[in-house]
């Protein structure tokens, strides 16, 4: 039997994660694109680690750090009332860090591809760095920004290892669609697993084809 809660939780998680990443990844991408700091290679490595690390490794360390059984996790729960382990907040935290490179890399590439004269002209006109960033640079990297948003959203939809480790498999709370598919297959309920899979496949396919169509200019040709 299929339940809709995992689908709802999955898309809720993807929306919240993408929104959080907009506030974190874009400033980070700006710093990585233009900084001359010797710390840049270290930060780029840390940002890119989720691309090569098994998701379960990241999930395991989240579980260890934020577990109420250790000092830091206990302090968060007892003094701040924050519990990341086996909660939706934990899913968001894990998803933000695991999807971070999918937002940072496209935006960073878009910023580094812009002509240097664009920034210099804004500075000559007396614009601050942040004014230049928001009113000059960002409007000129819309395709890269759209790509980052969509990749982060789509990647969050398909997460399994991280969300399972830190969020567990709690119905109506942390059980996302990818975990539901695994559970249904384990129970030999292939029809339900197929329904979940078709929904995720269809949504991610439509999202990605929309991005490629927009960035390739095909929608403009269609509208004309």
C-alpha atoms as a PDB file:
ATOM      1  CA  UNK A   1       0.000   0.000   0.000  1.00  0.00           C
ATOM      2  CA  UNK A   2       1.340   3.400  -0.967  1.00  0.00           C
ATOM      3  CA  UNK A   3       1.345   6.385   1.392  1.00  0.00           C
ATOM      4  CA  UNK A   4       1.804   9.986   0.276  1.00  0.00           C
ATOM      5  CA  UNK A   5       3.675  11.175   3.370  1.00  0.00           C
ATOM      6  CA  UNK A   6       7.132  10.211   2.020  1.00  0.00           C
ATOM      7  CA  UNK A   7       6.475  12.202  -1.173  1.00  0.00           C
ATOM      8  CA  UNK A   8       5.345  15.236   0.816  1.00  0.00           C
ATOM      9  CA  UNK A   9       8.333  15.038   3.180  1.00  0.00           C
ATOM     10  CA  UNK A  10      10.730  14.623   0.235  1.00  0.00           C
ATOM     11  CA  UNK A  11       9.583  17.730  -1.601  1.00  0.00           C
ATOM     12  CA  UNK A  12       9.289  19.713   1.593  1.00  0.00           C
ATOM     13  CA  UNK A  13      12.879  18.765   2.399  1.00  0.00           C
ATOM     14  CA  UNK A  14      14.042  19.694  -1.106  1.00  0.00           C
ATOM     15  CA  UNK A  15      12.336  23.106  -0.942  1.00  0.00           C
ATOM     16  CA  UNK A  16      13.669  23.964   2.519  1.00  0.00           C
ATOM     17  CA  UNK A  17      17.178  22.754   1.660  1.00  0.00           C
ATOM     18  CA  UNK A  18      17.271  24.782  -1.557  1.00  0.00           C
ATOM     19  CA  UNK A  19      16.055  27.892   0.242  1.00  0.00           C
ATOM     20  CA  UNK A  20      18.731  27.541   2.926  1.00  0.00           C
ATOM     21  CA  UNK A  21      21.405  26.945   0.307  1.00  0.00           C
ATOM     22  CA  UNK A  22      20.494  30.184  -1.444  1.00  0.00           C
ATOM     23  CA  UNK A  23      21.615  32.090   1.649  1.00  0.00           C
ATOM     24  CA  UNK A  24      24.723  29.974   2.248  1.00  0.00           C
ATOM     25  CA  UNK A  25      26.029  28.826  -1.123  1.00  0.00           C
ATOM     26  CA  UNK A  26      25.771  32.072  -3.090  1.00  0.00           C
ATOM     27  CA  UNK A  27      27.952  34.180  -0.743  1.00  0.00           C
ATOM     28  CA  UNK A  28      30.348  31.238  -0.439  1.00  0.00           C
ATOM     29  CA  UNK A  29      30.549  30.914  -4.225  1.00  0.00           C
ATOM     30  CA  UNK A  30      31.263  34.649  -4.490  1.00  0.00           C
ATOM     31  CA  UNK A  31      34.097  34.351  -1.981  1.00  0.00           C
ATOM     32  CA  UNK A  32      35.570  31.329  -3.751  1.00  0.00           C
ATOM     33  CA  UNK A  33      35.325  33.036  -7.133  1.00  0.00           C
ATOM     34  CA  UNK A  34      37.226  36.187  -6.187  1.00  0.00           C
ATOM     35  CA  UNK A  35      39.264  35.548  -3.052  1.00  0.00           C
ATOM     36  CA  UNK A  36      43.061  35.472  -3.114  1.00  0.00           C
ATOM     37  CA  UNK A  37      43.250  33.749   0.264  1.00  0.00           C
ATOM     38  CA  UNK A  38      45.595  30.812   0.681  1.00  0.00           C
ATOM     39  CA  UNK A  39      42.734  29.078   2.513  1.00  0.00           C
ATOM     40  CA  UNK A  40      40.744  28.837  -0.755  1.00  0.00           C
ATOM     41  CA  UNK A  41      41.996  25.333  -1.768  1.00  0.00           C
ATOM     42  CA  UNK A  42      41.041  23.992   1.658  1.00  0.00           C
ATOM     43  CA  UNK A  43      37.546  25.482   1.447  1.00  0.00           C
ATOM     44  CA  UNK A  44      37.070  24.221  -2.116  1.00  0.00           C
ATOM     45  CA  UNK A  45      38.090  20.761  -0.954  1.00  0.00           C
ATOM     46  CA  UNK A  46      35.643  20.804   1.947  1.00  0.00           C
ATOM     47  CA  UNK A  47      32.815  21.998  -0.289  1.00  0.00           C
ATOM     48  CA  UNK A  48      33.552  19.281  -2.859  1.00  0.00           C
ATOM     49  CA  UNK A  49      33.927  16.400  -0.388  1.00  0.00           C
ATOM     50  CA  UNK A  50      30.249  15.316  -0.629  1.00  0.00           C
ATOM     51  CA  UNK A  51      30.835  14.626  -4.337  1.00  0.00           C
ATOM     52  CA  UNK A  52      33.307  11.835  -3.593  1.00  0.00           C
ATOM     53  CA  UNK A  53      32.467  10.675  -0.068  1.00  0.00           C
ATOM     54  CA  UNK A  54      29.950   7.864   0.403  1.00  0.00           C
ATOM     55  CA  UNK A  55      26.782   9.438   1.821  1.00  0.00           C
ATOM     56  CA  UNK A  56      26.873   7.059   4.769  1.00  0.00           C
ATOM     57  CA  UNK A  57      30.247   8.466   5.870  1.00  0.00           C
ATOM     58  CA  UNK A  58      28.822  11.960   6.140  1.00  0.00           C
ATOM     59  CA  UNK A  59      25.673  10.628   7.783  1.00  0.00           C
ATOM     60  CA  UNK A  60      27.702   8.632  10.292  1.00  0.00           C
ATOM     61  CA  UNK A  61      29.679  11.668  11.464  1.00  0.00           C
ATOM     62  CA  UNK A  62      26.488  13.734  11.679  1.00  0.00           C
ATOM     63  CA  UNK A  63      25.065  10.986  13.866  1.00  0.00           C
ATOM     64  CA  UNK A  64      28.143  10.969  16.091  1.00  0.00           C
ATOM     65  CA  UNK A  65      28.395  14.768  16.444  1.00  0.00           C
ATOM     66  CA  UNK A  66      24.726  15.520  17.035  1.00  0.00           C
ATOM     67  CA  UNK A  67      23.705  12.440  19.003  1.00  0.00           C
ATOM     68  CA  UNK A  68      22.244  13.311  22.437  1.00  0.00           C
ATOM     69  CA  UNK A  69      24.591  10.686  23.809  1.00  0.00           C
ATOM     70  CA  UNK A  70      27.651  12.915  23.419  1.00  0.00           C
ATOM     71  CA  UNK A  71      28.484  16.299  24.914  1.00  0.00           C
ATOM     72  CA  UNK A  72      27.708  18.557  21.949  1.00  0.00           C
ATOM     73  CA  UNK A  73      24.456  16.860  21.005  1.00  0.00           C
ATOM     74  CA  UNK A  74      23.361  16.796  24.640  1.00  0.00           C
ATOM     75  CA  UNK A  75      24.187  20.485  25.054  1.00  0.00           C
ATOM     76  CA  UNK A  76      22.191  21.422  21.934  1.00  0.00           C
ATOM     77  CA  UNK A  77      19.169  19.496  23.148  1.00  0.00           C
ATOM     78  CA  UNK A  78      19.229  20.469  26.841  1.00  0.00           C
ATOM     79  CA  UNK A  79      20.217  24.132  26.601  1.00  0.00           C
ATOM     80  CA  UNK A  80      18.984  25.207  23.168  1.00  0.00           C
ATOM     81  CA  UNK A  81      16.166  22.720  22.649  1.00  0.00           C
ATOM     82  CA  UNK A  82      17.613  21.659  19.287  1.00  0.00           C
ATOM     83  CA  UNK A  83      17.629  18.010  18.259  1.00  0.00           C
ATOM     84  CA  UNK A  84      19.081  17.081  14.885  1.00  0.00           C
ATOM     85  CA  UNK A  85      19.181  13.295  15.199  1.00  0.00           C
ATOM     86  CA  UNK A  86      16.020  11.553  13.950  1.00  0.00           C
ATOM     87  CA  UNK A  87      14.231  14.814  13.194  1.00  0.00           C
ATOM     88  CA  UNK A  88      13.283  16.848  10.139  1.00  0.00           C
ATOM     89  CA  UNK A  89      15.795  19.512  11.214  1.00  0.00           C
ATOM     90  CA  UNK A  90      18.484  16.848  10.983  1.00  0.00           C
ATOM     91  CA  UNK A  91      17.349  15.971   7.470  1.00  0.00           C
ATOM     92  CA  UNK A  92      17.687  19.624   6.488  1.00  0.00           C
ATOM     93  CA  UNK A  93      21.140  19.958   8.033  1.00  0.00           C
ATOM     94  CA  UNK A  94      22.426  16.812   6.342  1.00  0.00           C
ATOM     95  CA  UNK A  95      20.859  17.744   3.003  1.00  0.00           C
ATOM     96  CA  UNK A  96      22.278  21.280   3.076  1.00  0.00           C
ATOM     97  CA  UNK A  97      25.826  20.032   3.548  1.00  0.00           C
ATOM     98  CA  UNK A  98      25.468  17.115   1.153  1.00  0.00           C
ATOM     99  CA  UNK A  99      23.920  19.252  -1.621  1.00  0.00           C
ATOM    100  CA  UNK A 100      26.204  22.252  -1.035  1.00  0.00           C
ATOM    101  CA  UNK A 101      28.570  21.614  -3.990  1.00  0.00           C
ATOM    102  CA  UNK A 102      25.637  21.295  -6.390  1.00  0.00           C
ATOM    103  CA  UNK A 103      24.735  24.913  -5.667  1.00  0.00           C
ATOM    104  CA  UNK A 104      28.212  26.359  -5.108  1.00  0.00           C
ATOM    105  CA  UNK A 105      29.987  25.008  -8.189  1.00  0.00           C
ATOM    106  CA  UNK A 106      27.609  26.330 -10.904  1.00  0.00           C
ATOM    107  CA  UNK A 107      27.391  29.765  -9.271  1.00  0.00           C
ATOM    108  CA  UNK A 108      31.164  29.926  -8.776  1.00  0.00           C
ATOM    109  CA  UNK A 109      31.747  28.961 -12.413  1.00  0.00           C
ATOM    110  CA  UNK A 110      29.260  31.581 -13.572  1.00  0.00           C
ATOM    111  CA  UNK A 111      30.946  34.312 -11.533  1.00  0.00           C
ATOM    112  CA  UNK A 112      34.479  33.450 -12.665  1.00  0.00           C
ATOM    113  CA  UNK A 113      33.331  33.468 -16.301  1.00  0.00           C
ATOM    114  CA  UNK A 114      32.182  37.093 -16.101  1.00  0.00           C
ATOM    115  CA  UNK A 115      34.505  39.761 -17.537  1.00  0.00           C
ATOM    116  CA  UNK A 116      36.663  41.436 -14.908  1.00  0.00           C
ATOM    117  CA  UNK A 117      35.737  44.793 -16.441  1.00  0.00           C
ATOM    118  CA  UNK A 118      32.172  44.322 -15.219  1.00  0.00           C
ATOM    119  CA  UNK A 119      33.221  44.454 -11.576  1.00  0.00           C
ATOM    120  CA  UNK A 120      35.787  47.167 -12.179  1.00  0.00           C
ATOM    121  CA  UNK A 121      33.224  49.413 -13.865  1.00  0.00           C
ATOM    122  CA  UNK A 122      30.854  49.014 -10.916  1.00  0.00           C
ATOM    123  CA  UNK A 123      33.632  49.860  -8.442  1.00  0.00           C
ATOM    124  CA  UNK A 124      34.624  52.922 -10.475  1.00  0.00           C
ATOM    125  CA  UNK A 125      31.027  54.117 -10.270  1.00  0.00           C
ATOM    126  CA  UNK A 126      31.246  53.897  -6.482  1.00  0.00           C
ATOM    127  CA  UNK A 127      29.257  50.700  -5.963  1.00  0.00           C
ATOM    128  CA  UNK A 128      30.076  48.595  -2.917  1.00  0.00           C
ATOM    129  CA  UNK A 129      31.058  44.940  -3.217  1.00  0.00           C
ATOM    130  CA  UNK A 130      27.657  43.716  -2.120  1.00  0.00           C
ATOM    131  CA  UNK A 131      25.777  46.168  -4.344  1.00  0.00           C
ATOM    132  CA  UNK A 132      27.933  45.047  -7.252  1.00  0.00           C
ATOM    133  CA  UNK A 133      27.254  41.431  -6.380  1.00  0.00           C
ATOM    134  CA  UNK A 134      23.480  41.668  -6.110  1.00  0.00           C
ATOM    135  CA  UNK A 135      22.745  44.273  -8.795  1.00  0.00           C
ATOM    136  CA  UNK A 136      25.474  43.653 -11.360  1.00  0.00           C
ATOM    137  CA  UNK A 137      26.939  40.162 -11.084  1.00  0.00           C
ATOM    138  CA  UNK A 138      23.942  38.013 -10.104  1.00  0.00           C
ATOM    139  CA  UNK A 139      21.684  39.314 -12.918  1.00  0.00           C
ATOM    140  CA  UNK A 140      24.402  38.301 -15.373  1.00  0.00           C
ATOM    141  CA  UNK A 141      24.678  34.692 -14.179  1.00  0.00           C
ATOM    142  CA  UNK A 142      21.009  33.731 -14.228  1.00  0.00           C
ATOM    143  CA  UNK A 143      21.616  30.460 -16.131  1.00  0.00           C
ATOM    144  CA  UNK A 144      24.293  29.380 -13.630  1.00  0.00           C
ATOM    145  CA  UNK A 145      22.094  30.380 -10.707  1.00  0.00           C
ATOM    146  CA  UNK A 146      19.120  28.489 -12.127  1.00  0.00           C
ATOM    147  CA  UNK A 147      21.309  25.439 -12.698  1.00  0.00           C
ATOM    148  CA  UNK A 148      22.564  25.531  -9.105  1.00  0.00           C
ATOM    149  CA  UNK A 149      19.063  25.855  -7.675  1.00  0.00           C
ATOM    150  CA  UNK A 150      17.667  23.015  -9.741  1.00  0.00           C
ATOM    151  CA  UNK A 151      20.622  20.668  -9.195  1.00  0.00           C
ATOM    152  CA  UNK A 152      20.465  21.210  -5.435  1.00  0.00           C
ATOM    153  CA  UNK A 153      16.708  20.611  -5.433  1.00  0.00           C
ATOM    154  CA  UNK A 154      16.902  17.498  -7.626  1.00  0.00           C
ATOM    155  CA  UNK A 155      19.867  16.082  -5.730  1.00  0.00           C
ATOM    156  CA  UNK A 156      18.043  16.466  -2.410  1.00  0.00           C
ATOM    157  CA  UNK A 157      15.072  14.557  -3.808  1.00  0.00           C
ATOM    158  CA  UNK A 158      17.301  11.572  -4.518  1.00  0.00           C
ATOM    159  CA  UNK A 159      19.246  11.441  -1.242  1.00  0.00           C
ATOM    160  CA  UNK A 160      19.295   8.172   0.643  1.00  0.00           C
ATOM    161  CA  UNK A 161      22.363   7.450   2.779  1.00  0.00           C
ATOM    162  CA  UNK A 162      22.644  10.785   4.593  1.00  0.00           C
ATOM    163  CA  UNK A 163      18.951  11.127   5.383  1.00  0.00           C
ATOM    164  CA  UNK A 164      18.716   7.503   6.520  1.00  0.00           C
ATOM    165  CA  UNK A 165      21.681   7.839   8.894  1.00  0.00           C
ATOM    166  CA  UNK A 166      20.725  11.123  10.542  1.00  0.00           C
ATOM    167  CA  UNK A 167      16.945  11.007  10.184  1.00  0.00           C
ATOM    168  CA  UNK A 168      16.235   7.332  10.492  1.00  0.00           C
ATOM    169  CA  UNK A 169      13.065   5.882   9.040  1.00  0.00           C
ATOM    170  CA  UNK A 170      10.278   7.415  11.083  1.00  0.00           C
ATOM    171  CA  UNK A 171       6.881   7.369   9.311  1.00  0.00           C
ATOM    172  CA  UNK A 172       5.283  10.810   8.787  1.00  0.00           C
ATOM    173  CA  UNK A 173       8.417  12.480  10.160  1.00  0.00           C
ATOM    174  CA  UNK A 174      11.689  11.520   8.465  1.00  0.00           C
ATOM    175  CA  UNK A 175      10.715   8.772   6.017  1.00  0.00           C
ATOM    176  CA  UNK A 176      11.461  10.256   2.601  1.00  0.00           C
ATOM    177  CA  UNK A 177      10.551   8.698  -0.740  1.00  0.00           C
ATOM    178  CA  UNK A 178      13.976   7.134  -1.397  1.00  0.00           C
ATOM    179  CA  UNK A 179      13.757   5.262   1.909  1.00  0.00           C
ATOM    180  CA  UNK A 180      10.148   4.321   1.208  1.00  0.00           C
ATOM    181  CA  UNK A 181      11.209   2.766  -2.103  1.00  0.00           C
ATOM    182  CA  UNK A 182      13.837   0.670  -0.341  1.00  0.00           C
ATOM    183  CA  UNK A 183      11.335  -0.434   2.301  1.00  0.00           C
ATOM    184  CA  UNK A 184       8.730  -1.414  -0.283  1.00  0.00           C
ATOM    185  CA  UNK A 185      11.264  -3.442  -2.264  1.00  0.00           C
ATOM    186  CA  UNK A 186      12.411  -5.177   0.918  1.00  0.00           C
ATOM    187  CA  UNK A 187       8.760  -6.042   1.630  1.00  0.00           C
ATOM    188  CA  UNK A 188       8.263  -7.210  -1.983  1.00  0.00           C
ATOM    189  CA  UNK A 189       5.677  -4.480  -2.562  1.00  0.00           C
ATOM    190  CA  UNK A 190       6.905  -3.704  -6.048  1.00  0.00           C
ATOM    191  CA  UNK A 191       3.796  -1.810  -7.146  1.00  0.00           C
ATOM    192  CA  UNK A 192       4.177   0.791  -4.388  1.00  0.00           C
ATOM    193  CA  UNK A 193       7.930   1.036  -5.009  1.00  0.00           C
ATOM    194  CA  UNK A 194       7.241   1.547  -8.698  1.00  0.00           C
ATOM    195  CA  UNK A 195       4.755   4.337  -7.976  1.00  0.00           C
ATOM    196  CA  UNK A 196       7.221   6.195  -5.747  1.00  0.00           C
ATOM    197  CA  UNK A 197       9.947   5.716  -8.343  1.00  0.00           C
ATOM    198  CA  UNK A 198       7.821   6.969 -11.235  1.00  0.00           C
ATOM    199  CA  UNK A 199       6.895  10.114  -9.304  1.00  0.00           C
ATOM    200  CA  UNK A 200      10.520  10.925  -8.453  1.00  0.00           C
ATOM    201  CA  UNK A 201      11.735  10.075 -11.954  1.00  0.00           C
ATOM    202  CA  UNK A 202       9.048  12.189 -13.636  1.00  0.00           C
ATOM    203  CA  UNK A 203       9.547  15.227 -11.427  1.00  0.00           C
ATOM    204  CA  UNK A 204      13.342  15.250 -11.695  1.00  0.00           C
ATOM    205  CA  UNK A 205      13.187  14.650 -15.461  1.00  0.00           C
ATOM    206  CA  UNK A 206      10.797  17.565 -15.983  1.00  0.00           C
ATOM    207  CA  UNK A 207      12.855  19.858 -13.766  1.00  0.00           C
ATOM    208  CA  UNK A 208      16.121  19.064 -15.531  1.00  0.00           C
ATOM    209  CA  UNK A 209      14.707  19.303 -19.043  1.00  0.00           C
ATOM    210  CA  UNK A 210      13.221  22.690 -18.125  1.00  0.00           C
ATOM    211  CA  UNK A 211      16.626  23.949 -17.002  1.00  0.00           C
ATOM    212  CA  UNK A 212      18.382  22.723 -20.128  1.00  0.00           C
ATOM    213  CA  UNK A 213      15.659  24.250 -22.300  1.00  0.00           C
ATOM    214  CA  UNK A 214      15.913  27.611 -20.536  1.00  0.00           C
ATOM    215  CA  UNK A 215      19.720  27.717 -20.553  1.00  0.00           C
ATOM    216  CA  UNK A 216      19.820  26.604 -24.185  1.00  0.00           C
ATOM    217  CA  UNK A 217      17.386  29.273 -25.280  1.00  0.00           C
ATOM    218  CA  UNK A 218      14.873  26.777 -26.654  1.00  0.00           C
ATOM    219  CA  UNK A 219      11.952  28.234 -24.728  1.00  0.00           C
ATOM    220  CA  UNK A 220      12.629  31.685 -26.192  1.00  0.00           C
ATOM    221  CA  UNK A 221      12.489  30.208 -29.694  1.00  0.00           C
ATOM    222  CA  UNK A 222       9.245  28.456 -28.793  1.00  0.00           C
ATOM    223  CA  UNK A 223       7.685  31.647 -27.445  1.00  0.00           C
ATOM    224  CA  UNK A 224       8.660  33.531 -30.622  1.00  0.00           C
END
